PDB file of N, CA and C in Angstrom:
ATOM      1  N   MET A   1     -10.525  13.803   4.219  1.00  0.00           N
ATOM      2  CA  MET A   1      -8.956  12.724   3.821  1.00  0.00           C
ATOM      3  C   MET A   1      -9.700  12.853   2.386  1.00  0.00           C
ATOM      4  N   THR A   2      -7.930  13.491   1.873  1.00  0.00           N
ATOM      5  CA  THR A   2      -8.020  13.529   0.328  1.00  0.00           C
ATOM      6  C   THR A   2      -8.359  12.126  -0.351  1.00  0.00           C
ATOM      7  N   GLU A   3      -9.019  12.471  -1.252  1.00  0.00           N
ATOM      8  CA  GLU A   3      -9.394  10.886  -2.467  1.00  0.00           C
ATOM      9  C   GLU A   3      -8.110  11.099  -3.267  1.00  0.00           C
ATOM     10  N   PHE A   4      -7.655   9.300  -3.301  1.00  0.00           N
ATOM     11  CA  PHE A   4      -6.641   9.434  -4.215  1.00  0.00           C
ATOM     12  C   PHE A   4      -6.693   8.561  -5.069  1.00  0.00           C
ATOM     13  N   GLN A   5      -6.240   8.826  -6.251  1.00  0.00           N
ATOM     14  CA  GLN A   5      -6.602   7.629  -7.449  1.00  0.00           C
ATOM     15  C   GLN A   5      -6.315   6.594  -7.216  1.00  0.00           C
ATOM     16  N   PRO A   6      -6.887   5.612  -8.057  1.00  0.00           N
ATOM     17  CA  PRO A   6      -6.557   4.186  -7.780  1.00  0.00           C
ATOM     18  C   PRO A   6      -5.203   3.861  -7.984  1.00  0.00           C
ATOM     19  N   MET A   7      -4.344   2.780  -7.707  1.00  0.00           N
ATOM     20  CA  MET A   7      -3.330   2.610  -7.897  1.00  0.00           C
ATOM     21  C   MET A   7      -2.936   1.477  -8.818  1.00  0.00           C
ATOM     22  N   SER A   8      -1.863   0.762  -9.748  1.00  0.00           N
ATOM     23  CA  SER A   8      -2.368   0.294 -10.847  1.00  0.00           C
ATOM     24  C   SER A   8      -1.270  -1.147  -9.833  1.00  0.00           C
ATOM     25  N   PRO A   9      -1.314  -2.412 -10.191  1.00  0.00           N
ATOM     26  CA  PRO A   9      -0.857  -3.148  -9.522  1.00  0.00           C
ATOM     27  C   PRO A   9       0.852  -2.884  -9.670  1.00  0.00           C
ATOM     28  N   SER A  10       1.509  -2.378 -10.598  1.00  0.00           N
ATOM     29  CA  SER A  10       2.749  -1.879 -10.931  1.00  0.00           C
ATOM     30  C   SER A  10       3.181  -1.157  -9.742  1.00  0.00           C
ATOM     31  N   GLU A  11       2.031   0.023  -9.736  1.00  0.00           N
ATOM     32  CA  GLU A  11       2.517   0.888  -8.544  1.00  0.00           C
ATOM     33  C   GLU A  11       2.025   0.294  -7.180  1.00  0.00           C
ATOM     34  N   ARG A  12       1.529  -0.502  -7.226  1.00  0.00           N
ATOM     35  CA  ARG A  12       1.465  -1.130  -6.315  1.00  0.00           C
ATOM     36  C   ARG A  12       2.785  -2.153  -5.777  1.00  0.00           C
ATOM     37  N   GLN A  13       3.623  -2.301  -6.122  1.00  0.00           N
ATOM     38  CA  GLN A  13       4.930  -2.730  -6.327  1.00  0.00           C
ATOM     39  C   GLN A  13       5.730  -2.058  -5.570  1.00  0.00           C
ATOM     40  N   ILE A  14       6.019  -0.400  -6.216  1.00  0.00           N
ATOM     41  CA  ILE A  14       6.979   0.138  -5.660  1.00  0.00           C
ATOM     42  C   ILE A  14       6.323   0.490  -4.276  1.00  0.00           C
ATOM     43  N   MET A  15       5.047   0.716  -4.006  1.00  0.00           N
ATOM     44  CA  MET A  15       4.837   1.160  -2.687  1.00  0.00           C
ATOM     45  C   MET A  15       4.884  -0.513  -1.631  1.00  0.00           C
ATOM     46  N   ARG A  16       5.029  -1.145  -2.147  1.00  0.00           N
ATOM     47  CA  ARG A  16       5.438  -2.270  -1.367  1.00  0.00           C
ATOM     48  C   ARG A  16       6.530  -2.619  -1.027  1.00  0.00           C
ATOM     49  N   VAL A  17       7.694  -1.642  -1.477  1.00  0.00           N
ATOM     50  CA  VAL A  17       9.109  -1.809  -1.624  1.00  0.00           C
ATOM     51  C   VAL A  17       8.944  -0.446  -0.249  1.00  0.00           C
ATOM     52  N   LEU A  18       8.721   0.268  -0.626  1.00  0.00           N
ATOM     53  CA  LEU A  18       8.625   1.900   0.206  1.00  0.00           C
ATOM     54  C   LEU A  18       7.665   1.442   1.740  1.00  0.00           C
ATOM     55  N   TRP A  19       7.256   0.606   1.622  1.00  0.00           N
ATOM     56  CA  TRP A  19       6.126   0.138   2.999  1.00  0.00           C
ATOM     57  C   TRP A  19       7.158  -0.802   3.638  1.00  0.00           C
ATOM     58  N   ALA A  20       7.843  -1.461   3.133  1.00  0.00           N
ATOM     59  CA  ALA A  20       8.906  -2.113   3.706  1.00  0.00           C
ATOM     60  C   ALA A  20      10.299  -1.719   4.110  1.00  0.00           C
ATOM     61  N   ASN A  21      10.615  -0.465   3.441  1.00  0.00           N
ATOM     62  CA  ASN A  21      11.604   0.635   3.544  1.00  0.00           C
ATOM     63  C   ASN A  21      11.802   2.139   3.229  1.00  0.00           C
ATOM     64  N   PRO A  22      10.795   2.192   4.583  1.00  0.00           N
ATOM     65  CA  PRO A  22      10.691   3.841   4.410  1.00  0.00           C
ATOM     66  C   PRO A  22      11.894   4.899   3.632  1.00  0.00           C
ATOM     67  N   ASN A  23      11.497   5.770   2.899  1.00  0.00           N
ATOM     68  CA  ASN A  23      12.536   6.667   3.357  1.00  0.00           C
ATOM     69  C   ASN A  23      13.775   6.585   2.071  1.00  0.00           C
ATOM     70  N   SER A  24      13.316   5.476   1.437  1.00  0.00           N
ATOM     71  CA  SER A  24      14.065   4.555   0.095  1.00  0.00           C
ATOM     72  C   SER A  24      14.273   5.795  -0.780  1.00  0.00           C
ATOM     73  N   THR A  25      15.673   5.581  -1.938  1.00  0.00           N
ATOM     74  CA  THR A  25      16.155   5.908  -2.974  1.00  0.00           C
ATOM     75  C   THR A  25      15.607   5.516  -3.840  1.00  0.00           C
ATOM     76  N   SER A  26      15.440   6.373  -4.716  1.00  0.00           N
ATOM     77  CA  SER A  26      15.146   5.792  -6.015  1.00  0.00           C
ATOM     78  C   SER A  26      15.924   4.302  -6.698  1.00  0.00           C
ATOM     79  N   GLY A  27      16.996   4.231  -6.691  1.00  0.00           N
ATOM     80  CA  GLY A  27      18.225   3.333  -6.835  1.00  0.00           C
ATOM     81  C   GLY A  27      18.180   2.249  -6.117  1.00  0.00           C
ATOM     82  N   TYR A  28      17.538   2.587  -4.646  1.00  0.00           N
ATOM     83  CA  TYR A  28      16.949   1.140  -4.204  1.00  0.00           C
ATOM     84  C   TYR A  28      16.062   0.779  -4.702  1.00  0.00           C
ATOM     85  N   ILE A  29      14.999   1.191  -4.822  1.00  0.00           N
ATOM     86  CA  ILE A  29      14.078   0.565  -5.474  1.00  0.00           C
ATOM     87  C   ILE A  29      13.831  -0.257  -6.602  1.00  0.00           C
ATOM     88  N   ILE A  30      14.666   0.830  -7.481  1.00  0.00           N
ATOM     89  CA  ILE A  30      15.175  -0.125  -8.818  1.00  0.00           C
ATOM     90  C   ILE A  30      15.508  -1.533  -8.944  1.00  0.00           C
ATOM     91  N   GLU A  31      16.627  -1.417  -7.853  1.00  0.00           N
ATOM     92  CA  GLU A  31      17.556  -2.499  -7.552  1.00  0.00           C
ATOM     93  C   GLU A  31      16.608  -3.459  -6.758  1.00  0.00           C
ATOM     94  N   GLN A  32      15.852  -3.255  -5.973  1.00  0.00           N
ATOM     95  CA  GLN A  32      15.082  -4.350  -5.482  1.00  0.00           C
ATOM     96  C   GLN A  32      14.071  -4.949  -6.295  1.00  0.00           C
ATOM     97  N   LEU A  33      13.459  -4.200  -7.014  1.00  0.00           N
ATOM     98  CA  LEU A  33      12.426  -4.780  -8.132  1.00  0.00           C
ATOM     99  C   LEU A  33      12.589  -5.421  -9.178  1.00  0.00           C
ATOM    100  N   GLN A  34      13.986  -5.183  -9.781  1.00  0.00           N
ATOM    101  CA  GLN A  34      14.662  -5.710 -10.650  1.00  0.00           C
ATOM    102  C   GLN A  34      15.193  -6.860 -10.132  1.00  0.00           C
ATOM    103  N   ARG A  35      15.237  -7.557  -8.955  1.00  0.00           N
ATOM    104  CA  ARG A  35      15.187  -8.939  -8.301  1.00  0.00           C
ATOM    105  C   ARG A  35      14.144  -9.399  -8.789  1.00  0.00           C
ATOM    106  N   SER A  36      13.040  -9.223  -9.076  1.00  0.00           N
ATOM    107  CA  SER A  36      11.643  -9.531  -9.253  1.00  0.00           C
ATOM    108  C   SER A  36      10.898  -9.691 -10.760  1.00  0.00           C
ATOM    109  N   PHE A  37      11.829  -8.598 -10.922  1.00  0.00           N
ATOM    110  CA  PHE A  37      10.854  -8.085 -12.625  1.00  0.00           C
ATOM    111  C   PHE A  37      11.995  -8.046 -13.563  1.00  0.00           C
ATOM    112  N   SER A  38      11.310  -7.990 -14.505  1.00  0.00           N
ATOM    113  CA  SER A  38      12.103  -7.610 -15.475  1.00  0.00           C
ATOM    114  C   SER A  38      11.837  -6.289 -16.271  1.00  0.00           C
ATOM    115  N   TRP A  39      12.114  -5.271 -15.595  1.00  0.00           N
ATOM    116  CA  TRP A  39      11.724  -3.907 -16.000  1.00  0.00           C
ATOM    117  C   TRP A  39      12.856  -3.196 -15.843  1.00  0.00           C
ATOM    118  N   SER A  40      12.573  -2.184 -16.682  1.00  0.00           N
ATOM    119  CA  SER A  40      13.920  -1.621 -16.925  1.00  0.00           C
ATOM    120  C   SER A  40      13.539  -0.152 -15.907  1.00  0.00           C
ATOM    121  N   ASP A  41      14.995   0.484 -16.093  1.00  0.00           N
ATOM    122  CA  ASP A  41      15.417   1.149 -14.682  1.00  0.00           C
ATOM    123  C   ASP A  41      13.871   2.767 -15.157  1.00  0.00           C
ATOM    124  N   SER A  42      13.711   2.742 -16.316  1.00  0.00           N
ATOM    125  CA  SER A  42      13.096   3.879 -16.986  1.00  0.00           C
ATOM    126  C   SER A  42      11.427   3.416 -16.809  1.00  0.00           C
ATOM    127  N   THR A  43      11.064   2.195 -16.820  1.00  0.00           N
ATOM    128  CA  THR A  43       9.904   2.170 -15.858  1.00  0.00           C
ATOM    129  C   THR A  43       9.565   1.922 -14.751  1.00  0.00           C
ATOM    130  N   ILE A  44      10.587   1.608 -14.149  1.00  0.00           N
ATOM    131  CA  ILE A  44      10.536   2.288 -12.563  1.00  0.00           C
ATOM    132  C   ILE A  44      10.136   3.462 -12.037  1.00  0.00           C
ATOM    133  N   LYS A  45      10.816   4.003 -13.163  1.00  0.00           N
ATOM    134  CA  LYS A  45      10.719   5.848 -12.878  1.00  0.00           C
ATOM    135  C   LYS A  45       9.934   6.212 -13.196  1.00  0.00           C
ATOM    136  N   THR A  46       9.045   5.788 -14.232  1.00  0.00           N
ATOM    137  CA  THR A  46       7.828   6.356 -14.657  1.00  0.00           C
ATOM    138  C   THR A  46       6.888   5.802 -13.498  1.00  0.00           C
ATOM    139  N   LEU A  47       7.128   4.852 -12.683  1.00  0.00           N
ATOM    140  CA  LEU A  47       6.304   4.236 -11.766  1.00  0.00           C
ATOM    141  C   LEU A  47       6.288   5.180 -10.434  1.00  0.00           C
ATOM    142  N   ILE A  48       7.584   5.565 -10.683  1.00  0.00           N
ATOM    143  CA  ILE A  48       7.493   6.542  -9.427  1.00  0.00           C
ATOM    144  C   ILE A  48       6.784   8.215  -9.613  1.00  0.00           C
ATOM    145  N   ILE A  49       7.108   8.568 -10.987  1.00  0.00           N
ATOM    146  CA  ILE A  49       6.217   9.572 -11.237  1.00  0.00           C
ATOM    147  C   ILE A  49       5.005   9.747 -10.789  1.00  0.00           C
ATOM    148  N   ARG A  50       4.334   8.624 -11.171  1.00  0.00           N
ATOM    149  CA  ARG A  50       3.072   8.599 -11.501  1.00  0.00           C
ATOM    150  C   ARG A  50       2.523   8.489 -10.001  1.00  0.00           C
ATOM    151  N   LEU A  51       3.138   7.728  -9.065  1.00  0.00           N
ATOM    152  CA  LEU A  51       2.611   7.436  -7.758  1.00  0.00           C
ATOM    153  C   LEU A  51       3.173   9.104  -7.020  1.00  0.00           C
ATOM    154  N   THR A  52       3.761  10.007  -7.732  1.00  0.00           N
ATOM    155  CA  THR A  52       4.181  11.153  -6.847  1.00  0.00           C
ATOM    156  C   THR A  52       3.210  12.125  -8.051  1.00  0.00           C
ATOM    157  N   LYS A  53       2.495  12.012  -8.878  1.00  0.00           N
ATOM    158  CA  LYS A  53       1.146  12.440  -9.282  1.00  0.00           C
ATOM    159  C   LYS A  53       0.023  12.126  -8.928  1.00  0.00           C
ATOM    160  N   LYS A  54      -0.161  11.037  -8.796  1.00  0.00           N
ATOM    161  CA  LYS A  54      -0.968  10.791  -7.639  1.00  0.00           C
ATOM    162  C   LYS A  54      -1.236  10.951  -6.375  1.00  0.00           C
ATOM    163  N   GLY A  55      -0.295  11.291  -5.691  1.00  0.00           N
ATOM    164  CA  GLY A  55      -0.153  12.457  -4.157  1.00  0.00           C
ATOM    165  C   GLY A  55       0.237  10.834  -3.386  1.00  0.00           C
ATOM    166  N   TYR A  56       1.049   9.747  -3.535  1.00  0.00           N
ATOM    167  CA  TYR A  56       0.865   8.765  -2.906  1.00  0.00           C
ATOM    168  C   TYR A  56       2.326   8.612  -2.241  1.00  0.00           C
ATOM    169  N   ILE A  57       3.642   9.110  -2.875  1.00  0.00           N
ATOM    170  CA  ILE A  57       4.367   9.153  -2.314  1.00  0.00           C
ATOM    171  C   ILE A  57       5.158  11.260  -2.757  1.00  0.00           C
ATOM    172  N   GLN A  58       6.500  11.228  -2.135  1.00  0.00           N
ATOM    173  CA  GLN A  58       6.768  12.284  -2.349  1.00  0.00           C
ATOM    174  C   GLN A  58       8.628  12.335  -2.889  1.00  0.00           C
ATOM    175  N   ILE A  59       8.811  13.055  -3.623  1.00  0.00           N
ATOM    176  CA  ILE A  59      10.599  12.733  -3.587  1.00  0.00           C
ATOM    177  C   ILE A  59      11.044  13.973  -2.949  1.00  0.00           C
ATOM    178  N   ASP A  60      12.334  13.619  -2.795  1.00  0.00           N
ATOM    179  CA  ASP A  60      12.824  14.616  -1.705  1.00  0.00           C
ATOM    180  C   ASP A  60      14.379  15.085  -2.408  1.00  0.00           C
ATOM    181  N   ASN A  61      15.013  15.529  -3.336  1.00  0.00           N
ATOM    182  CA  ASN A  61      15.931  15.370  -3.575  1.00  0.00           C
ATOM    183  C   ASN A  61      17.319  16.125  -3.243  1.00  0.00           C
ATOM    184  N   ARG A  62      17.105  16.734  -1.751  1.00  0.00           N
ATOM    185  CA  ARG A  62      18.282  16.927  -0.694  1.00  0.00           C
ATOM    186  C   ARG A  62      19.123  16.086  -0.472  1.00  0.00           C
ATOM    187  N   LYS A  63      18.625  14.846  -0.091  1.00  0.00           N
ATOM    188  CA  LYS A  63      19.564  13.975   0.935  1.00  0.00           C
ATOM    189  C   LYS A  63      21.124  13.204  -0.160  1.00  0.00           C
ATOM    190  N   ASN A  64      21.840  13.852  -0.018  1.00  0.00           N
ATOM    191  CA  ASN A  64      22.866  13.453  -0.813  1.00  0.00           C
ATOM    192  C   ASN A  64      22.989  13.423  -2.280  1.00  0.00           C
ATOM    193  N   HIS A  65      22.273  14.177  -2.756  1.00  0.00           N
ATOM    194  CA  HIS A  65      21.940  14.201  -4.435  1.00  0.00           C
ATOM    195  C   HIS A  65      21.883  13.156  -5.043  1.00  0.00           C
ATOM    196  N   SER A  66      20.935  11.864  -3.926  1.00  0.00           N
ATOM    197  CA  SER A  66      20.200  11.084  -4.871  1.00  0.00           C
ATOM    198  C   SER A  66      18.665  11.401  -4.309  1.00  0.00           C
ATOM    199  N   THR A  67      17.953  10.578  -5.224  1.00  0.00           N
ATOM    200  CA  THR A  67      16.355  10.660  -4.860  1.00  0.00           C
ATOM    201  C   THR A  67      15.624   9.927  -3.751  1.00  0.00           C
ATOM    202  N   THR A  68      15.382  10.271  -2.855  1.00  0.00           N
ATOM    203  CA  THR A  68      14.659   9.993  -1.785  1.00  0.00           C
ATOM    204  C   THR A  68      12.881   9.684  -1.844  1.00  0.00           C
ATOM    205  N   LEU A  69      12.436   8.817  -1.630  1.00  0.00           N
ATOM    206  CA  LEU A  69      11.087   8.629  -1.832  1.00  0.00           C
ATOM    207  C   LEU A  69      10.683   8.725  -0.260  1.00  0.00           C
ATOM    208  N   ARG A  70       9.245   9.193  -0.179  1.00  0.00           N
ATOM    209  CA  ARG A  70       8.794   9.306   1.155  1.00  0.00           C
ATOM    210  C   ARG A  70       7.085   8.761   0.829  1.00  0.00           C
ATOM    211  N   ARG A  71       6.804   7.641   1.721  1.00  0.00           N
ATOM    212  CA  ARG A  71       5.492   7.137   0.989  1.00  0.00           C
ATOM    213  C   ARG A  71       4.257   8.210   2.291  1.00  0.00           C
ATOM    214  N   PHE A  72       3.280   8.558   1.750  1.00  0.00           N
ATOM    215  CA  PHE A  72       2.598   9.407   2.238  1.00  0.00           C
ATOM    216  C   PHE A  72       1.411   8.366   2.966  1.00  0.00           C
ATOM    217  N   LEU A  73       1.249   7.636   2.807  1.00  0.00           N
ATOM    218  CA  LEU A  73      -0.098   6.257   3.497  1.00  0.00           C
ATOM    219  C   LEU A  73       0.489   5.389   4.155  1.00  0.00           C
ATOM    220  N   ARG A  74       0.006   5.275   5.117  1.00  0.00           N
ATOM    221  CA  ARG A  74       0.264   4.009   5.732  1.00  0.00           C
ATOM    222  C   ARG A  74      -0.432   2.790   5.094  1.00  0.00           C
ATOM    223  N   LYS A  75       0.148   1.432   5.196  1.00  0.00           N
ATOM    224  CA  LYS A  75      -0.353   0.349   4.529  1.00  0.00           C
ATOM    225  C   LYS A  75      -1.886   0.194   4.774  1.00  0.00           C
ATOM    226  N   HIS A  76      -2.136   0.276   6.120  1.00  0.00           N
ATOM    227  CA  HIS A  76      -3.454  -0.009   6.410  1.00  0.00           C
ATOM    228  C   HIS A  76      -4.451   1.280   6.251  1.00  0.00           C
ATOM    229  N   ASN A  77      -3.480   2.572   5.602  1.00  0.00           N
ATOM    230  CA  ASN A  77      -4.746   3.392   5.708  1.00  0.00           C
ATOM    231  C   ASN A  77      -5.488   3.154   4.104  1.00  0.00           C
ATOM    232  N   LEU A  78      -4.420   2.357   3.271  1.00  0.00           N
ATOM    233  CA  LEU A  78      -4.581   2.736   1.903  1.00  0.00           C
ATOM    234  C   LEU A  78      -5.611   1.540   1.691  1.00  0.00           C
ATOM    235  N   THR A  79      -5.281   0.263   2.501  1.00  0.00           N
ATOM    236  CA  THR A  79      -6.282  -0.964   2.412  1.00  0.00           C
ATOM    237  C   THR A  79      -7.719  -0.737   2.624  1.00  0.00           C
ATOM    238  N   LYS A  80      -7.893   0.550   3.594  1.00  0.00           N
ATOM    239  CA  LYS A  80      -9.659   0.873   3.938  1.00  0.00           C
ATOM    240  C   LYS A  80     -10.353   1.290   2.698  1.00  0.00           C
ATOM    241  N   ARG A  81      -9.684   1.725   1.482  1.00  0.00           N
ATOM    242  CA  ARG A  81     -10.286   2.331   0.293  1.00  0.00           C
ATOM    243  C   ARG A  81     -10.328   1.045  -0.592  1.00  0.00           C
ATOM    244  N   PRO A  82     -11.470   0.947  -0.926  1.00  0.00           N
ATOM    245  CA  PRO A  82     -11.616   0.099  -2.106  1.00  0.00           C
ATOM    246  C   PRO A  82     -10.460   0.348  -3.318  1.00  0.00           C
ATOM    247  N   MET A  83     -10.149  -0.681  -3.857  1.00  0.00           N
ATOM    248  CA  MET A  83      -8.891  -0.825  -4.897  1.00  0.00           C
ATOM    249  C   MET A  83      -9.793  -1.248  -6.051  1.00  0.00           C
ATOM    250  N   CYS A  84      -9.536  -0.196  -7.047  1.00  0.00           N
ATOM    251  CA  CYS A  84      -9.877  -0.536  -8.499  1.00  0.00           C
ATOM    252  C   CYS A  84      -8.693  -0.534  -9.066  1.00  0.00           C
ATOM    253  N   PHE A  85      -8.794  -2.137 -10.082  1.00  0.00           N
ATOM    254  CA  PHE A  85      -7.743  -2.089 -10.963  1.00  0.00           C
ATOM    255  C   PHE A  85      -8.177  -2.238 -12.450  1.00  0.00           C
TER     256      PHE A  85
END
């Protein structure tokens, strides 16, 4: 199994949206998170890019010219590893 870098609490919020709504667009994630947090669009996009670089999600730009995000890990697989914050 690939060793993943630890996820920050903010990055985990992105993953929670993806776990609940697989194959979400970046716009959908931004909309959902801004309901609960006062994060700017660019902050959320930065978190998405970090998760992509860490290997947790994949970006697919082919769907209707929007960015679709796919999670690589199921929630139960992620929680088996110790989380370091």
